[in-house]
Amino acid sequence: MINIGEKIKKVRKLGNFTQNYVAEKLQMTQAGYSKIELGVVDLPYSRLEQIAKVLNMKVEDIISFDEESLMTNQLNNHKNITNGYFIGDKLVFEYIEKNYSLRINDLLKQMDAQQKEIERLHSLLEKILSR
């Protein structure tokens, strides 16, 4: 189950807010705010109210935040369709694009590491066979 800190982080990122910005508005350090998102510290309701205000949301919307439902609802409820293409909420599409870009970058790094390992093993095999 996702903790409240993770939900705050996802909402913050969806709103394109940095940790520094939120921390500054809350009059705390970025490191202290980071501990909230990581779930390292207890979060009093009063602080959650302050965070919600900075993120322009209601406390209950943060608590009940469900990323998949948000994306599905945004896409299903969108009325503007032209020639079969969505003219969608920019924030939702930017979020989707960013997540897929991160996943693609991770896969490329994994492929690069695998290719280097293949080359290392190939070199080792050549040394063994040349003896």
Protein backbone atom coordinates (compact mmCIF):
# COMPACT_ATOMS: atom_id res chain seq x y z
CA MET A 1 0.00 0.00 0.00
CA ILE A 2 1.30 3.42 -0.92
CA ASN A 3 2.07 5.69 2.04
CA ILE A 4 1.02 9.32 2.34
CA GLY A 5 4.58 10.52 1.65
CA GLU A 6 4.62 8.73 -1.70
CA LYS A 7 1.23 10.22 -2.58
CA ILE A 8 2.48 13.71 -1.71
CA LYS A 9 5.52 13.12 -3.91
CA LYS A 10 3.41 12.00 -6.87
CA VAL A 11 1.03 14.95 -6.48
CA ARG A 12 4.00 17.33 -6.19
CA LYS A 13 5.58 15.95 -9.35
CA LEU A 14 2.30 16.09 -11.25
CA GLY A 15 2.08 19.76 -10.36
CA ASN A 16 5.68 20.32 -11.49
CA PHE A 17 6.70 21.50 -8.03
CA THR A 18 10.23 20.90 -6.77
CA GLN A 19 11.02 19.73 -3.27
CA ASN A 20 12.89 23.00 -2.75
CA TYR A 21 9.82 25.04 -3.70
CA VAL A 22 7.50 23.15 -1.36
CA ALA A 23 10.04 23.19 1.47
CA GLU A 24 10.51 26.94 1.07
CA LYS A 25 6.76 27.55 1.20
CA LEU A 26 6.57 25.38 4.33
CA GLN A 27 9.53 27.27 5.83
CA MET A 28 11.62 24.14 6.24
CA THR A 29 14.72 22.65 4.67
CA GLN A 30 14.58 20.55 1.53
CA ALA A 31 16.12 17.67 3.50
CA GLY A 32 13.37 17.93 6.12
CA TYR A 33 10.68 17.98 3.46
CA SER A 34 12.30 15.00 1.73
CA LYS A 35 11.88 13.00 4.94
CA ILE A 36 8.13 13.63 4.73
CA GLU A 37 7.96 12.21 1.21
CA LEU A 38 10.13 9.26 2.23
CA GLY A 39 7.85 8.54 5.19
CA VAL A 40 10.77 8.80 7.61
CA VAL A 41 8.97 11.25 9.92
CA ASP A 42 5.45 11.30 11.29
CA LEU A 43 3.22 13.74 9.45
CA PRO A 44 0.79 15.70 11.62
CA TYR A 45 -2.51 16.58 9.99
CA SER A 46 -1.70 20.30 10.34
CA ARG A 47 1.43 19.84 8.22
CA LEU A 48 -0.54 17.83 5.67
CA GLU A 49 -2.97 20.76 5.43
CA GLN A 50 -0.06 23.11 4.77
CA ILE A 51 1.35 20.81 2.10
CA ALA A 52 -2.07 20.51 0.44
CA LYS A 53 -2.35 24.29 0.34
CA VAL A 54 1.08 24.64 -1.31
CA LEU A 55 0.14 21.96 -3.87
CA ASN A 56 -3.24 23.62 -4.52
CA MET A 57 -5.17 20.54 -3.46
CA LYS A 58 -7.54 19.39 -0.74
CA VAL A 59 -6.13 17.14 1.96
CA GLU A 60 -8.68 14.44 1.11
CA ASP A 61 -7.59 14.53 -2.55
CA ILE A 62 -4.01 13.83 -1.52
CA ILE A 63 -5.03 11.07 0.88
CA SER A 64 -7.23 9.38 -1.73
CA PHE A 65 -4.84 10.02 -4.62
CA ASP A 66 -4.63 7.09 -6.99
CA GLU A 67 -2.35 7.66 -9.95
CA GLU A 68 -3.85 5.00 -12.21
CA SER A 69 -7.41 6.13 -11.56
CA LEU A 70 -6.43 9.73 -12.23
CA MET A 71 -4.92 8.90 -15.62
CA THR A 72 -7.80 6.61 -16.58
CA ASN A 73 -10.43 9.15 -15.54
CA GLN A 74 -8.64 11.97 -17.31
CA LEU A 75 -8.47 10.01 -20.55
CA ASN A 76 -11.97 8.48 -20.31
CA ASN A 77 -13.68 11.73 -19.37
CA HIS A 78 -11.92 13.87 -21.93
CA LYS A 79 -14.40 15.35 -24.37
CA ASN A 80 -12.11 16.85 -27.00
CA ILE A 81 -11.46 14.26 -29.67
CA THR A 82 -10.58 15.25 -33.21
CA ASN A 83 -10.11 12.71 -36.02
CA GLY A 84 -9.70 9.97 -33.42
CA TYR A 85 -6.90 11.75 -31.55
CA PHE A 86 -7.14 13.06 -28.00
CA ILE A 87 -6.52 16.72 -27.50
CA GLY A 88 -5.79 16.00 -23.88
CA ASP A 89 -4.92 17.60 -20.65
CA LYS A 90 -1.33 18.71 -21.08
CA LEU A 91 -0.37 17.74 -17.56
CA VAL A 92 -1.55 14.16 -17.97
CA PHE A 93 0.24 13.68 -21.28
CA GLU A 94 3.43 15.28 -19.98
CA TYR A 95 3.32 12.94 -17.00
CA ILE A 96 2.83 9.90 -19.22
CA GLU A 97 5.59 11.02 -21.56
CA LYS A 98 7.99 11.60 -18.66
CA ASN A 99 7.27 8.17 -17.15
CA TYR A 100 7.79 6.38 -20.46
CA SER A 101 10.96 8.38 -21.10
CA LEU A 102 12.31 7.33 -17.70
CA ARG A 103 11.42 3.70 -18.39
CA ILE A 104 13.05 3.83 -21.83
CA ASN A 105 16.21 5.39 -20.38
CA ASP A 106 16.36 2.68 -17.72
CA LEU A 107 15.98 -0.02 -20.37
CA LEU A 108 18.72 1.57 -22.50
CA LYS A 109 21.06 1.60 -19.50
CA GLN A 110 20.29 -2.05 -18.81
CA MET A 111 20.92 -2.94 -22.46
CA ASP A 112 24.22 -1.03 -22.41
CA ALA A 113 25.31 -2.87 -19.26
CA GLN A 114 24.32 -6.20 -20.83
CA GLN A 115 26.23 -5.37 -24.01
CA LYS A 116 29.36 -4.54 -21.98
CA GLU A 117 29.02 -7.82 -20.09
CA ILE A 118 28.64 -9.71 -23.39
CA GLU A 119 31.78 -8.02 -24.74
CA ARG A 120 33.69 -8.85 -21.52
CA LEU A 121 32.63 -12.49 -21.69
CA HIS A 122 33.44 -12.67 -25.41
CA SER A 123 36.92 -11.31 -24.74
CA LEU A 124 37.42 -13.78 -21.90
CA LEU A 125 36.28 -16.65 -24.12
CA GLU A 126 38.70 -15.59 -26.88
CA LYS A 127 41.58 -15.59 -24.37
CA ILE A 128 40.66 -19.06 -23.15
CA LEU A 129 40.31 -20.47 -26.68
CA SER A 130 43.59 -18.95 -27.88
CA ARG A 131 45.64 -20.89 -25.30
